[in-house]
Protein backbone atom coordinates (compact mmCIF):
# COMPACT_ATOMS: atom_id res chain seq x y z
CA MET A 1 0.00 0.00 0.00
CA PRO A 2 1.23 3.55 -0.62
CA GLN A 3 2.43 5.80 2.17
CA SER A 4 -0.92 7.58 2.31
CA ILE A 5 -4.39 7.57 0.78
CA GLY A 6 -6.86 10.44 0.66
CA THR A 7 -10.50 10.77 -0.29
CA VAL A 8 -12.91 13.50 -1.28
CA GLU A 9 -16.59 12.59 -1.57
CA THR A 10 -19.08 14.89 -3.29
CA ARG A 11 -22.76 14.81 -4.13
CA SER A 12 -22.15 15.64 -7.79
CA LEU A 13 -20.20 14.25 -10.73
CA VAL A 14 -19.07 17.74 -11.68
CA GLY A 15 -17.82 18.33 -8.14
CA ALA A 16 -15.91 15.04 -8.17
CA ILE A 17 -14.28 15.88 -11.51
CA GLU A 18 -13.31 19.32 -10.18
CA ALA A 19 -11.86 17.68 -7.07
CA ALA A 20 -9.91 15.10 -9.07
CA ASP A 21 -8.48 17.75 -11.39
CA ALA A 22 -7.42 19.99 -8.50
CA MET A 23 -5.94 17.05 -6.58
CA LEU A 24 -3.77 15.95 -9.49
CA LYS A 25 -2.62 19.51 -10.18
CA ALA A 26 -1.87 20.33 -6.53
CA ALA A 27 0.56 17.55 -5.70
CA ARG A 28 2.29 14.44 -6.95
CA VAL A 29 -0.50 11.92 -6.37
CA GLN A 30 -2.26 9.33 -8.47
CA ILE A 31 -5.92 8.40 -8.58
CA LEU A 32 -6.57 4.98 -7.07
CA ASP A 33 -10.33 5.01 -7.50
CA PHE A 34 -13.18 7.15 -8.82
CA SER A 35 -16.38 5.52 -7.56
CA LEU A 36 -20.06 6.17 -8.05
CA VAL A 37 -21.13 5.33 -4.50
CA GLY A 38 -24.87 5.80 -4.98
CA SER A 39 -27.53 8.42 -4.23
CA GLY A 40 -25.48 10.94 -6.19
CA LEU A 41 -22.32 10.41 -4.14
CA ILE A 42 -18.99 10.15 -5.94
CA ALA A 43 -15.71 9.36 -4.17
CA VAL A 44 -12.26 10.24 -5.48
CA VAL A 45 -9.39 8.32 -3.86
CA VAL A 46 -5.74 9.30 -4.37
CA SER A 47 -2.43 7.93 -3.13
CA GLY A 48 1.09 9.23 -2.61
CA GLU A 49 3.33 10.62 0.09
CA VAL A 50 1.55 11.89 3.18
CA ALA A 51 2.21 15.62 2.62
CA ALA A 52 1.29 15.36 -1.07
CA VAL A 53 -1.97 13.58 -0.30
CA GLN A 54 -2.87 16.12 2.38
CA ALA A 55 -2.22 18.99 -0.04
CA ALA A 56 -4.19 17.23 -2.77
CA VAL A 57 -7.20 16.55 -0.54
CA ASP A 58 -7.25 20.15 0.72
CA SER A 59 -7.07 21.45 -2.85
CA GLY A 60 -9.68 18.99 -4.12
CA TRP A 61 -12.06 19.88 -1.30
CA ALA A 62 -11.71 23.61 -1.99
CA ALA A 63 -12.30 23.18 -5.72
CA ALA A 64 -15.29 20.86 -5.32
CA GLU A 65 -16.87 23.08 -2.68
CA LYS A 66 -17.21 25.88 -5.25
CA VAL A 67 -19.52 23.83 -7.49
CA ALA A 68 -21.04 21.07 -5.34
CA GLU A 69 -21.72 19.76 -1.86
CA VAL A 70 -18.64 18.09 -0.37
CA VAL A 71 -19.81 15.27 1.88
CA SER A 72 -16.48 14.19 3.34
CA ARG A 73 -12.72 14.28 3.03
CA ASN A 74 -10.12 12.17 4.75
CA VAL A 75 -6.41 11.33 4.74
CA ILE A 76 -5.08 8.03 6.05
CA ALA A 77 -1.33 8.05 6.59
CA ASN A 78 0.47 4.73 6.43
CA PRO A 79 -2.58 2.51 5.77
CA HIS A 80 -2.33 -1.21 6.46
CA ASN A 81 -1.46 -3.33 3.41
CA ASP A 82 -4.87 -5.04 3.49
CA ILE A 83 -6.64 -1.73 2.77
CA GLY A 84 -5.62 -2.18 -0.87
CA LYS A 85 -7.48 -5.49 -0.94
CA LEU A 86 -10.64 -3.82 0.37
CA MET A 87 -10.45 -1.27 -2.41
CA GLY A 88 -9.81 -3.90 -5.07
CA ASN A 89 -6.33 -2.52 -5.76
CA GLU A 90 -2.98 -4.08 -5.22
CA VAL A 91 -0.62 -1.15 -4.93
CA SER A 92 3.07 -1.50 -4.18
CA GLU A 93 5.11 0.63 -1.79
CA ASP A 94 6.25 2.90 -4.64
CA GLY A 95 2.63 3.67 -5.65
CA LYS A 96 2.64 1.66 -8.90
């Protein structure tokens, strides 16, 4: 699993796209997942170094908040390796 994962969840596809764009532009992170959760909720999950993920989540939240309702945001530093299995991703230590 990468050093950190971060999420931004919005109640709009446009908001989620805005968040994803801002997250990728703000820091060196990669998108792990872009999920249609249901009831209009969309979650964007990124991975990378802890500081990069924190910066990306903050930027994504700010961008999404301008155009949609942001339901939640979270950063998990140093997640357990099994978290990748829960997400359906097998990600190595270097984020690839």
